[in-house]
């Protein structure tokens, strides 16, 4: 939360991220978690995506770093990069 002072009144501004995971990305995340072939990284990202579906949960700093690494790496699949992009889009606005 951020505080804003104007005309002697303090107002609390809620700057939380209100984005939620889309149905298509949530579906991909669910399939990833059920897959025996998905990497641990993909499953971490998938869990984060699902935790942000229909909620105001935000990505933690450690997962932001993982997602960023996935997006810049050539070794991850398109699906894993889709999950990483979704995770980053839900990150804290101030970071």
PDB file of N, CA and C in Angstrom:
ATOM      1  N   UNK A   1       0.828  -1.171   0.000  1.00  0.00           N
ATOM      2  CA  UNK A   1       0.000   0.000   0.000  1.00  0.00           C
ATOM      3  C   UNK A   1       0.878   1.242   0.000  1.00  0.00           C
ATOM      4  N   UNK A   2       0.346   2.272  -0.573  1.00  0.00           N
ATOM      5  CA  UNK A   2       1.071   3.527  -0.645  1.00  0.00           C
ATOM      6  C   UNK A   2       0.181   4.623  -0.071  1.00  0.00           C
ATOM      7  N   UNK A   3       0.781   5.552   0.614  1.00  0.00           N
ATOM      8  CA  UNK A   3       0.018   6.626   1.230  1.00  0.00           C
ATOM      9  C   UNK A   3       0.173   7.901   0.412  1.00  0.00           C
ATOM     10  N   UNK A   4      -0.912   8.623   0.277  1.00  0.00           N
ATOM     11  CA  UNK A   4      -0.928   9.846  -0.502  1.00  0.00           C
ATOM     12  C   UNK A   4      -1.512  10.948   0.374  1.00  0.00           C
ATOM     13  N   UNK A   5      -0.794  12.041   0.511  1.00  0.00           N
ATOM     14  CA  UNK A   5      -1.244  13.135   1.366  1.00  0.00           C
ATOM     15  C   UNK A   5      -1.648  14.316   0.487  1.00  0.00           C
ATOM     16  N   UNK A   6      -2.901  14.743   0.645  1.00  0.00           N
ATOM     17  CA  UNK A   6      -3.387  15.876  -0.137  1.00  0.00           C
ATOM     18  C   UNK A   6      -4.418  16.637   0.691  1.00  0.00           C
ATOM     19  N   UNK A   7      -4.252  17.920   0.810  1.00  0.00           N
ATOM     20  CA  UNK A   7      -5.181  18.785   1.531  1.00  0.00           C
ATOM     21  C   UNK A   7      -5.428  18.313   2.963  1.00  0.00           C
ATOM     22  N   UNK A   8      -4.373  17.852   3.639  1.00  0.00           N
ATOM     23  CA  UNK A   8      -4.502  17.445   5.034  1.00  0.00           C
ATOM     24  C   UNK A   8      -5.169  16.095   5.237  1.00  0.00           C
ATOM     25  N   UNK A   9      -5.451  15.387   4.151  1.00  0.00           N
ATOM     26  CA  UNK A   9      -6.098  14.075   4.255  1.00  0.00           C
ATOM     27  C   UNK A   9      -5.130  13.027   3.735  1.00  0.00           C
ATOM     28  N   UNK A  10      -5.007  11.960   4.487  1.00  0.00           N
ATOM     29  CA  UNK A  10      -4.160  10.854   4.040  1.00  0.00           C
ATOM     30  C   UNK A  10      -5.057   9.787   3.426  1.00  0.00           C
ATOM     31  N   UNK A  11      -4.774   9.451   2.200  1.00  0.00           N
ATOM     32  CA  UNK A  11      -5.521   8.422   1.492  1.00  0.00           C
ATOM     33  C   UNK A  11      -4.597   7.244   1.246  1.00  0.00           C
ATOM     34  N   UNK A  12      -5.114   6.064   1.440  1.00  0.00           N
ATOM     35  CA  UNK A  12      -4.334   4.858   1.173  1.00  0.00           C
ATOM     36  C   UNK A  12      -4.648   4.402  -0.241  1.00  0.00           C
ATOM     37  N   UNK A  13      -3.592   4.312  -1.050  1.00  0.00           N
ATOM     38  CA  UNK A  13      -3.757   3.851  -2.425  1.00  0.00           C
ATOM     39  C   UNK A  13      -3.405   2.375  -2.498  1.00  0.00           C
ATOM     40  N   UNK A  14      -4.277   1.590  -3.031  1.00  0.00           N
ATOM     41  CA  UNK A  14      -4.015   0.166  -3.199  1.00  0.00           C
ATOM     42  C   UNK A  14      -3.395  -0.017  -4.576  1.00  0.00           C
ATOM     43  N   UNK A  15      -2.128  -0.394  -4.610  1.00  0.00           N
ATOM     44  CA  UNK A  15      -1.450  -0.540  -5.891  1.00  0.00           C
ATOM     45  C   UNK A  15      -1.179  -2.006  -6.205  1.00  0.00           C
ATOM     46  N   UNK A  16      -2.011  -2.882  -5.657  1.00  0.00           N
ATOM     47  CA  UNK A  16      -1.843  -4.310  -5.926  1.00  0.00           C
ATOM     48  C   UNK A  16      -2.157  -4.613  -7.389  1.00  0.00           C
ATOM     49  N   UNK A  17      -1.549  -5.648  -7.865  1.00  0.00           N
ATOM     50  CA  UNK A  17      -1.791  -6.106  -9.214  1.00  0.00           C
ATOM     51  C   UNK A  17      -3.147  -6.800  -9.258  1.00  0.00           C
ATOM     52  N   UNK A  18      -4.022  -6.387 -10.152  1.00  0.00           N
ATOM     53  CA  UNK A  18      -5.349  -6.971 -10.236  1.00  0.00           C
ATOM     54  C   UNK A  18      -5.473  -7.947 -11.407  1.00  0.00           C
ATOM     55  N   UNK A  19      -4.372  -8.243 -12.059  1.00  0.00           N
ATOM     56  CA  UNK A  19      -4.409  -9.178 -13.183  1.00  0.00           C
ATOM     57  C   UNK A  19      -4.605 -10.595 -12.685  1.00  0.00           C
ATOM     58  N   UNK A  20      -5.252 -11.407 -13.509  1.00  0.00           N
ATOM     59  CA  UNK A  20      -5.454 -12.816 -13.198  1.00  0.00           C
ATOM     60  C   UNK A  20      -5.032 -13.644 -14.403  1.00  0.00           C
ATOM     61  N   UNK A  21      -4.675 -14.884 -14.131  1.00  0.00           N
ATOM     62  CA  UNK A  21      -4.279 -15.781 -15.217  1.00  0.00           C
ATOM     63  C   UNK A  21      -5.467 -16.053 -16.126  1.00  0.00           C
ATOM     64  N   UNK A  22      -5.235 -16.083 -17.433  1.00  0.00           N
ATOM     65  CA  UNK A  22      -6.301 -16.368 -18.388  1.00  0.00           C
ATOM     66  C   UNK A  22      -6.686 -17.839 -18.328  1.00  0.00           C
ATOM     67  N   UNK A  23      -7.849 -18.160 -18.874  1.00  0.00           N
ATOM     68  CA  UNK A  23      -8.309 -19.554 -18.880  1.00  0.00           C
ATOM     69  C   UNK A  23      -7.375 -20.442 -19.686  1.00  0.00           C
ATOM     70  N   UNK A  24      -6.895 -19.943 -20.812  1.00  0.00           N
ATOM     71  CA  UNK A  24      -6.029 -20.771 -21.658  1.00  0.00           C
ATOM     72  C   UNK A  24      -4.685 -21.052 -20.983  1.00  0.00           C
ATOM     73  N   UNK A  25      -4.120 -20.051 -20.315  1.00  0.00           N
ATOM     74  CA  UNK A  25      -2.842 -20.253 -19.623  1.00  0.00           C
ATOM     75  C   UNK A  25      -3.060 -21.111 -18.376  1.00  0.00           C
ATOM     76  N   UNK A  26      -4.188 -20.936 -17.708  1.00  0.00           N
ATOM     77  CA  UNK A  26      -4.499 -21.779 -16.550  1.00  0.00           C
ATOM     78  C   UNK A  26      -4.646 -23.231 -16.970  1.00  0.00           C
ATOM     79  N   UNK A  27      -5.260 -23.462 -18.114  1.00  0.00           N
ATOM     80  CA  UNK A  27      -5.408 -24.819 -18.635  1.00  0.00           C
ATOM     81  C   UNK A  27      -4.047 -25.424 -18.956  1.00  0.00           C
ATOM     82  N   UNK A  28      -3.185 -24.650 -19.580  1.00  0.00           N
ATOM     83  CA  UNK A  28      -1.816 -25.096 -19.864  1.00  0.00           C
ATOM     84  C   UNK A  28      -1.091 -25.432 -18.565  1.00  0.00           C
ATOM     85  N   UNK A  29      -1.270 -24.607 -17.556  1.00  0.00           N
ATOM     86  CA  UNK A  29      -0.619 -24.834 -16.266  1.00  0.00           C
ATOM     87  C   UNK A  29      -1.102 -26.134 -15.633  1.00  0.00           C
ATOM     88  N   UNK A  30      -2.393 -26.392 -15.695  1.00  0.00           N
ATOM     89  CA  UNK A  30      -2.946 -27.628 -15.126  1.00  0.00           C
ATOM     90  C   UNK A  30      -2.385 -28.856 -15.844  1.00  0.00           C
ATOM     91  N   UNK A  31      -2.309 -28.772 -17.171  1.00  0.00           N
ATOM     92  CA  UNK A  31      -1.751 -29.890 -17.943  1.00  0.00           C
ATOM     93  C   UNK A  31      -0.274 -30.090 -17.629  1.00  0.00           C
ATOM     94  N   UNK A  32       0.427 -28.998 -17.422  1.00  0.00           N
ATOM     95  CA  UNK A  32       1.854 -29.077 -17.089  1.00  0.00           C
ATOM     96  C   UNK A  32       2.061 -29.784 -15.751  1.00  0.00           C
ATOM     97  N   UNK A  33       1.243 -29.433 -14.781  1.00  0.00           N
ATOM     98  CA  UNK A  33       1.383 -30.059 -13.455  1.00  0.00           C
ATOM     99  C   UNK A  33       1.067 -31.556 -13.492  1.00  0.00           C
ATOM    100  N   UNK A  34       0.219 -31.963 -14.414  1.00  0.00           N
ATOM    101  CA  UNK A  34      -0.155 -33.380 -14.518  1.00  0.00           C
ATOM    102  C   UNK A  34       0.819 -34.179 -15.366  1.00  0.00           C
ATOM    103  N   UNK A  35       1.652 -33.504 -16.108  1.00  0.00           N
ATOM    104  CA  UNK A  35       2.564 -34.168 -17.036  1.00  0.00           C
ATOM    105  C   UNK A  35       3.762 -34.786 -16.324  1.00  0.00           C
ATOM    106  N   UNK A  36       4.084 -36.010 -16.725  1.00  0.00           N
ATOM    107  CA  UNK A  36       5.288 -36.669 -16.206  1.00  0.00           C
ATOM    108  C   UNK A  36       6.546 -36.145 -16.895  1.00  0.00           C
ATOM    109  N   UNK A  37       6.367 -35.512 -18.036  1.00  0.00           N
ATOM    110  CA  UNK A  37       7.506 -35.040 -18.830  1.00  0.00           C
ATOM    111  C   UNK A  37       7.891 -33.587 -18.555  1.00  0.00           C
ATOM    112  N   UNK A  38       7.071 -32.864 -17.815  1.00  0.00           N
ATOM    113  CA  UNK A  38       7.346 -31.445 -17.563  1.00  0.00           C
ATOM    114  C   UNK A  38       8.499 -31.303 -16.571  1.00  0.00           C
ATOM    115  N   UNK A  39       9.317 -30.295 -16.796  1.00  0.00           N
ATOM    116  CA  UNK A  39      10.463 -30.038 -15.911  1.00  0.00           C
ATOM    117  C   UNK A  39       9.991 -29.458 -14.579  1.00  0.00           C
ATOM    118  N   UNK A  40      10.871 -29.506 -13.607  1.00  0.00           N
ATOM    119  CA  UNK A  40      10.574 -28.911 -12.299  1.00  0.00           C
ATOM    120  C   UNK A  40      10.336 -27.407 -12.447  1.00  0.00           C
ATOM    121  N   UNK A  41      11.087 -26.781 -13.335  1.00  0.00           N
ATOM    122  CA  UNK A  41      10.918 -25.338 -13.574  1.00  0.00           C
ATOM    123  C   UNK A  41       9.533 -25.051 -14.125  1.00  0.00           C
ATOM    124  N   UNK A  42       9.113 -25.834 -15.121  1.00  0.00           N
ATOM    125  CA  UNK A  42       7.792 -25.643 -15.714  1.00  0.00           C
ATOM    126  C   UNK A  42       6.704 -25.846 -14.663  1.00  0.00           C
ATOM    127  N   UNK A  43       6.888 -26.829 -13.794  1.00  0.00           N
ATOM    128  CA  UNK A  43       5.885 -27.100 -12.760  1.00  0.00           C
ATOM    129  C   UNK A  43       5.836 -25.981 -11.713  1.00  0.00           C
ATOM    130  N   UNK A  44       6.965 -25.399 -11.374  1.00  0.00           N
ATOM    131  CA  UNK A  44       6.977 -24.253 -10.448  1.00  0.00           C
ATOM    132  C   UNK A  44       6.194 -23.088 -11.045  1.00  0.00           C
ATOM    133  N   UNK A  45       6.468 -22.805 -12.309  1.00  0.00           N
ATOM    134  CA  UNK A  45       5.775 -21.707 -12.985  1.00  0.00           C
ATOM    135  C   UNK A  45       4.283 -21.999 -13.093  1.00  0.00           C
ATOM    136  N   UNK A  46       3.946 -23.255 -13.409  1.00  0.00           N
ATOM    137  CA  UNK A  46       2.543 -23.649 -13.546  1.00  0.00           C
ATOM    138  C   UNK A  46       1.802 -23.486 -12.220  1.00  0.00           C
ATOM    139  N   UNK A  47       2.452 -23.848 -11.137  1.00  0.00           N
ATOM    140  CA  UNK A  47       1.834 -23.675  -9.825  1.00  0.00           C
ATOM    141  C   UNK A  47       1.560 -22.216  -9.518  1.00  0.00           C
ATOM    142  N   UNK A  48       2.480 -21.366  -9.890  1.00  0.00           N
ATOM    143  CA  UNK A  48       2.303 -19.934  -9.676  1.00  0.00           C
ATOM    144  C   UNK A  48       1.152 -19.397 -10.518  1.00  0.00           C
ATOM    145  N   UNK A  49       1.088 -19.829 -11.765  1.00  0.00           N
ATOM    146  CA  UNK A  49       0.002 -19.390 -12.654  1.00  0.00           C
ATOM    147  C   UNK A  49      -1.350 -19.766 -12.048  1.00  0.00           C
ATOM    148  N   UNK A  50      -1.461 -21.003 -11.585  1.00  0.00           N
ATOM    149  CA  UNK A  50      -2.739 -21.443 -11.029  1.00  0.00           C
ATOM    150  C   UNK A  50      -3.079 -20.731  -9.718  1.00  0.00           C
ATOM    151  N   UNK A  51      -2.069 -20.381  -8.950  1.00  0.00           N
ATOM    152  CA  UNK A  51      -2.344 -19.661  -7.701  1.00  0.00           C
ATOM    153  C   UNK A  51      -2.853 -18.254  -7.977  1.00  0.00           C
ATOM    154  N   UNK A  52      -2.603 -17.756  -9.184  1.00  0.00           N
ATOM    155  CA  UNK A  52      -3.025 -16.406  -9.551  1.00  0.00           C
ATOM    156  C   UNK A  52      -4.320 -16.383 -10.352  1.00  0.00           C
ATOM    157  N   UNK A  53      -4.864 -17.555 -10.623  1.00  0.00           N
ATOM    158  CA  UNK A  53      -6.135 -17.617 -11.350  1.00  0.00           C
ATOM    159  C   UNK A  53      -7.258 -17.296 -10.367  1.00  0.00           C
ATOM    160  N   UNK A  54      -8.102 -16.373 -10.722  1.00  0.00           N
ATOM    161  CA  UNK A  54      -9.243 -15.969  -9.898  1.00  0.00           C
ATOM    162  C   UNK A  54      -8.829 -15.507  -8.506  1.00  0.00           C
ATOM    163  N   UNK A  55      -7.685 -14.867  -8.421  1.00  0.00           N
ATOM    164  CA  UNK A  55      -7.241 -14.301  -7.146  1.00  0.00           C
ATOM    165  C   UNK A  55      -6.403 -13.060  -7.426  1.00  0.00           C
ATOM    166  N   UNK A  56      -6.060 -12.361  -6.375  1.00  0.00           N
ATOM    167  CA  UNK A  56      -5.202 -11.179  -6.545  1.00  0.00           C
ATOM    168  C   UNK A  56      -3.773 -11.485  -6.108  1.00  0.00           C
ATOM    169  N   UNK A  57      -3.416 -12.770  -6.021  1.00  0.00           N
ATOM    170  CA  UNK A  57      -2.048 -13.136  -5.657  1.00  0.00           C
ATOM    171  C   UNK A  57      -1.065 -12.546  -6.655  1.00  0.00           C
ATOM    172  N   UNK A  58       0.099 -12.169  -6.146  1.00  0.00           N
ATOM    173  CA  UNK A  58       1.146 -11.621  -6.994  1.00  0.00           C
ATOM    174  C   UNK A  58       2.353 -12.548  -6.970  1.00  0.00           C
ATOM    175  N   UNK A  59       3.130 -12.470  -8.019  1.00  0.00           N
ATOM    176  CA  UNK A  59       4.351 -13.254  -8.117  1.00  0.00           C
ATOM    177  C   UNK A  59       5.382 -12.762  -7.111  1.00  0.00           C
ATOM    178  N   UNK A  60       6.029 -13.680  -6.418  1.00  0.00           N
ATOM    179  CA  UNK A  60       7.098 -13.331  -5.493  1.00  0.00           C
ATOM    180  C   UNK A  60       8.374 -13.009  -6.253  1.00  0.00           C
ATOM    181  N   UNK A  61       9.274 -12.323  -5.595  1.00  0.00           N
ATOM    182  CA  UNK A  61      10.517 -11.882  -6.234  1.00  0.00           C
ATOM    183  C   UNK A  61      11.348 -13.057  -6.745  1.00  0.00           C
ATOM    184  N   UNK A  62      11.389 -14.163  -5.977  1.00  0.00           N
ATOM    185  CA  UNK A  62      12.204 -15.304  -6.412  1.00  0.00           C
ATOM    186  C   UNK A  62      11.651 -15.936  -7.685  1.00  0.00           C
ATOM    187  N   UNK A  63      10.333 -16.007  -7.805  1.00  0.00           N
ATOM    188  CA  UNK A  63       9.737 -16.575  -9.013  1.00  0.00           C
ATOM    189  C   UNK A  63       9.847 -15.611 -10.194  1.00  0.00           C
ATOM    190  N   UNK A  64       9.863 -14.323  -9.916  1.00  0.00           N
ATOM    191  CA  UNK A  64      10.083 -13.338 -10.985  1.00  0.00           C
ATOM    192  C   UNK A  64      11.442 -13.580 -11.636  1.00  0.00           C
ATOM    193  N   UNK A  65      12.449 -13.830 -10.809  1.00  0.00           N
ATOM    194  CA  UNK A  65      13.789 -14.092 -11.332  1.00  0.00           C
ATOM    195  C   UNK A  65      13.837 -15.358 -12.166  1.00  0.00           C
ATOM    196  N   UNK A  66      13.178 -16.412 -11.695  1.00  0.00           N
ATOM    197  CA  UNK A  66      13.123 -17.664 -12.445  1.00  0.00           C
ATOM    198  C   UNK A  66      12.426 -17.454 -13.787  1.00  0.00           C
ATOM    199  N   UNK A  67      11.286 -16.785 -13.760  1.00  0.00           N
ATOM    200  CA  UNK A  67      10.533 -16.541 -14.990  1.00  0.00           C
ATOM    201  C   UNK A  67      11.347 -15.718 -15.984  1.00  0.00           C
ATOM    202  N   UNK A  68      12.050 -14.730 -15.483  1.00  0.00           N
ATOM    203  CA  UNK A  68      12.886 -13.904 -16.343  1.00  0.00           C
ATOM    204  C   UNK A  68      13.991 -14.730 -16.998  1.00  0.00           C
ATOM    205  N   UNK A  69      14.597 -15.611 -16.219  1.00  0.00           N
ATOM    206  CA  UNK A  69      15.648 -16.486 -16.761  1.00  0.00           C
ATOM    207  C   UNK A  69      15.109 -17.406 -17.837  1.00  0.00           C
ATOM    208  N   UNK A  70      13.913 -17.926 -17.618  1.00  0.00           N
ATOM    209  CA  UNK A  70      13.290 -18.820 -18.605  1.00  0.00           C
ATOM    210  C   UNK A  70      13.072 -18.081 -19.924  1.00  0.00           C
ATOM    211  N   UNK A  71      12.575 -16.860 -19.836  1.00  0.00           N
ATOM    212  CA  UNK A  71      12.278 -16.100 -21.056  1.00  0.00           C
ATOM    213  C   UNK A  71      13.530 -15.744 -21.854  1.00  0.00           C
ATOM    214  N   UNK A  72      14.648 -15.607 -21.186  1.00  0.00           N
ATOM    215  CA  UNK A  72      15.874 -15.233 -21.891  1.00  0.00           C
ATOM    216  C   UNK A  72      16.716 -16.438 -22.315  1.00  0.00           C
ATOM    217  N   UNK A  73      16.293 -17.631 -21.909  1.00  0.00           N
ATOM    218  CA  UNK A  73      17.043 -18.844 -22.231  1.00  0.00           C
ATOM    219  C   UNK A  73      16.520 -19.494 -23.507  1.00  0.00           C
ATOM    220  N   UNK A  74      17.400 -20.176 -24.214  1.00  0.00           N
ATOM    221  CA  UNK A  74      16.999 -20.896 -25.426  1.00  0.00           C
ATOM    222  C   UNK A  74      16.613 -22.342 -25.132  1.00  0.00           C
ATOM    223  N   UNK A  75      16.837 -22.798 -23.897  1.00  0.00           N
ATOM    224  CA  UNK A  75      16.627 -24.211 -23.606  1.00  0.00           C
ATOM    225  C   UNK A  75      15.194 -24.576 -23.213  1.00  0.00           C
ATOM    226  N   UNK A  76      14.331 -23.583 -22.973  1.00  0.00           N
ATOM    227  CA  UNK A  76      12.966 -23.878 -22.540  1.00  0.00           C
ATOM    228  C   UNK A  76      11.978 -23.868 -23.697  1.00  0.00           C
ATOM    229  N   UNK A  77      10.935 -24.669 -23.556  1.00  0.00           N
ATOM    230  CA  UNK A  77       9.913 -24.806 -24.598  1.00  0.00           C
ATOM    231  C   UNK A  77       9.015 -23.575 -24.663  1.00  0.00           C
ATOM    232  N   UNK A  78       8.256 -23.519 -25.729  1.00  0.00           N
ATOM    233  CA  UNK A  78       7.289 -22.437 -25.921  1.00  0.00           C
ATOM    234  C   UNK A  78       6.276 -22.432 -24.771  1.00  0.00           C
ATOM    235  N   UNK A  79       5.814 -23.602 -24.359  1.00  0.00           N
ATOM    236  CA  UNK A  79       4.837 -23.687 -23.268  1.00  0.00           C
ATOM    237  C   UNK A  79       5.412 -23.161 -21.958  1.00  0.00           C
ATOM    238  N   UNK A  80       6.654 -23.527 -21.658  1.00  0.00           N
ATOM    239  CA  UNK A  80       7.288 -23.052 -20.425  1.00  0.00           C
ATOM    240  C   UNK A  80       7.459 -21.540 -20.483  1.00  0.00           C
ATOM    241  N   UNK A  81       7.791 -21.013 -21.646  1.00  0.00           N
ATOM    242  CA  UNK A  81       7.941 -19.563 -21.793  1.00  0.00           C
ATOM    243  C   UNK A  81       6.587 -18.849 -21.672  1.00  0.00           C
ATOM    244  N   UNK A  82       5.523 -19.508 -22.125  1.00  0.00           N
ATOM    245  CA  UNK A  82       4.179 -18.939 -21.961  1.00  0.00           C
ATOM    246  C   UNK A  82       3.840 -18.821 -20.481  1.00  0.00           C
ATOM    247  N   UNK A  83       4.143 -19.866 -19.723  1.00  0.00           N
ATOM    248  CA  UNK A  83       3.903 -19.832 -18.276  1.00  0.00           C
ATOM    249  C   UNK A  83       4.746 -18.740 -17.623  1.00  0.00           C
ATOM    250  N   UNK A  84       6.004 -18.628 -18.035  1.00  0.00           N
ATOM    251  CA  UNK A  84       6.898 -17.610 -17.473  1.00  0.00           C
ATOM    252  C   UNK A  84       6.380 -16.206 -17.768  1.00  0.00           C
ATOM    253  N   UNK A  85       5.893 -15.994 -18.963  1.00  0.00           N
ATOM    254  CA  UNK A  85       5.346 -14.680 -19.319  1.00  0.00           C
ATOM    255  C   UNK A  85       4.130 -14.324 -18.483  1.00  0.00           C
ATOM    256  N   UNK A  86       3.292 -15.303 -18.235  1.00  0.00           N
ATOM    257  CA  UNK A  86       2.119 -15.074 -17.402  1.00  0.00           C
ATOM    258  C   UNK A  86       2.526 -14.729 -15.975  1.00  0.00           C
ATOM    259  N   UNK A  87       3.489 -15.457 -15.454  1.00  0.00           N
ATOM    260  CA  UNK A  87       3.982 -15.202 -14.095  1.00  0.00           C
ATOM    261  C   UNK A  87       4.535 -13.783 -13.988  1.00  0.00           C
ATOM    262  N   UNK A  88       5.323 -13.369 -14.967  1.00  0.00           N
ATOM    263  CA  UNK A  88       5.895 -12.009 -14.917  1.00  0.00           C
ATOM    264  C   UNK A  88       4.832 -10.928 -15.063  1.00  0.00           C
ATOM    265  N   UNK A  89       3.788 -11.215 -15.819  1.00  0.00           N
ATOM    266  CA  UNK A  89       2.745 -10.203 -15.991  1.00  0.00           C
ATOM    267  C   UNK A  89       1.961  -9.969 -14.698  1.00  0.00           C
ATOM    268  N   UNK A  90       2.096 -10.894 -13.755  1.00  0.00           N
ATOM    269  CA  UNK A  90       1.387 -10.793 -12.479  1.00  0.00           C
ATOM    270  C   UNK A  90       2.302 -10.315 -11.353  1.00  0.00           C
ATOM    271  N   UNK A  91       3.483  -9.863 -11.704  1.00  0.00           N
ATOM    272  CA  UNK A  91       4.444  -9.483 -10.674  1.00  0.00           C
ATOM    273  C   UNK A  91       4.089  -8.137 -10.044  1.00  0.00           C
ATOM    274  N   UNK A  92       4.738  -7.867  -8.929  1.00  0.00           N
ATOM    275  CA  UNK A  92       4.512  -6.640  -8.176  1.00  0.00           C
ATOM    276  C   UNK A  92       4.910  -5.439  -9.020  1.00  0.00           C
ATOM    277  N   UNK A  93       4.043  -4.467  -9.122  1.00  0.00           N
ATOM    278  CA  UNK A  93       4.286  -3.280  -9.955  1.00  0.00           C
ATOM    279  C   UNK A  93       5.508  -2.481  -9.510  1.00  0.00           C
ATOM    280  N   UNK A  94       5.835  -2.540  -8.229  1.00  0.00           N
ATOM    281  CA  UNK A  94       6.938  -1.726  -7.710  1.00  0.00           C
ATOM    282  C   UNK A  94       8.302  -2.355  -7.936  1.00  0.00           C
ATOM    283  N   UNK A  95       8.357  -3.643  -8.280  1.00  0.00           N
ATOM    284  CA  UNK A  95       9.652  -4.306  -8.505  1.00  0.00           C
ATOM    285  C   UNK A  95      10.047  -4.223  -9.940  1.00  0.00           C
TER     286      UNK A  95
END
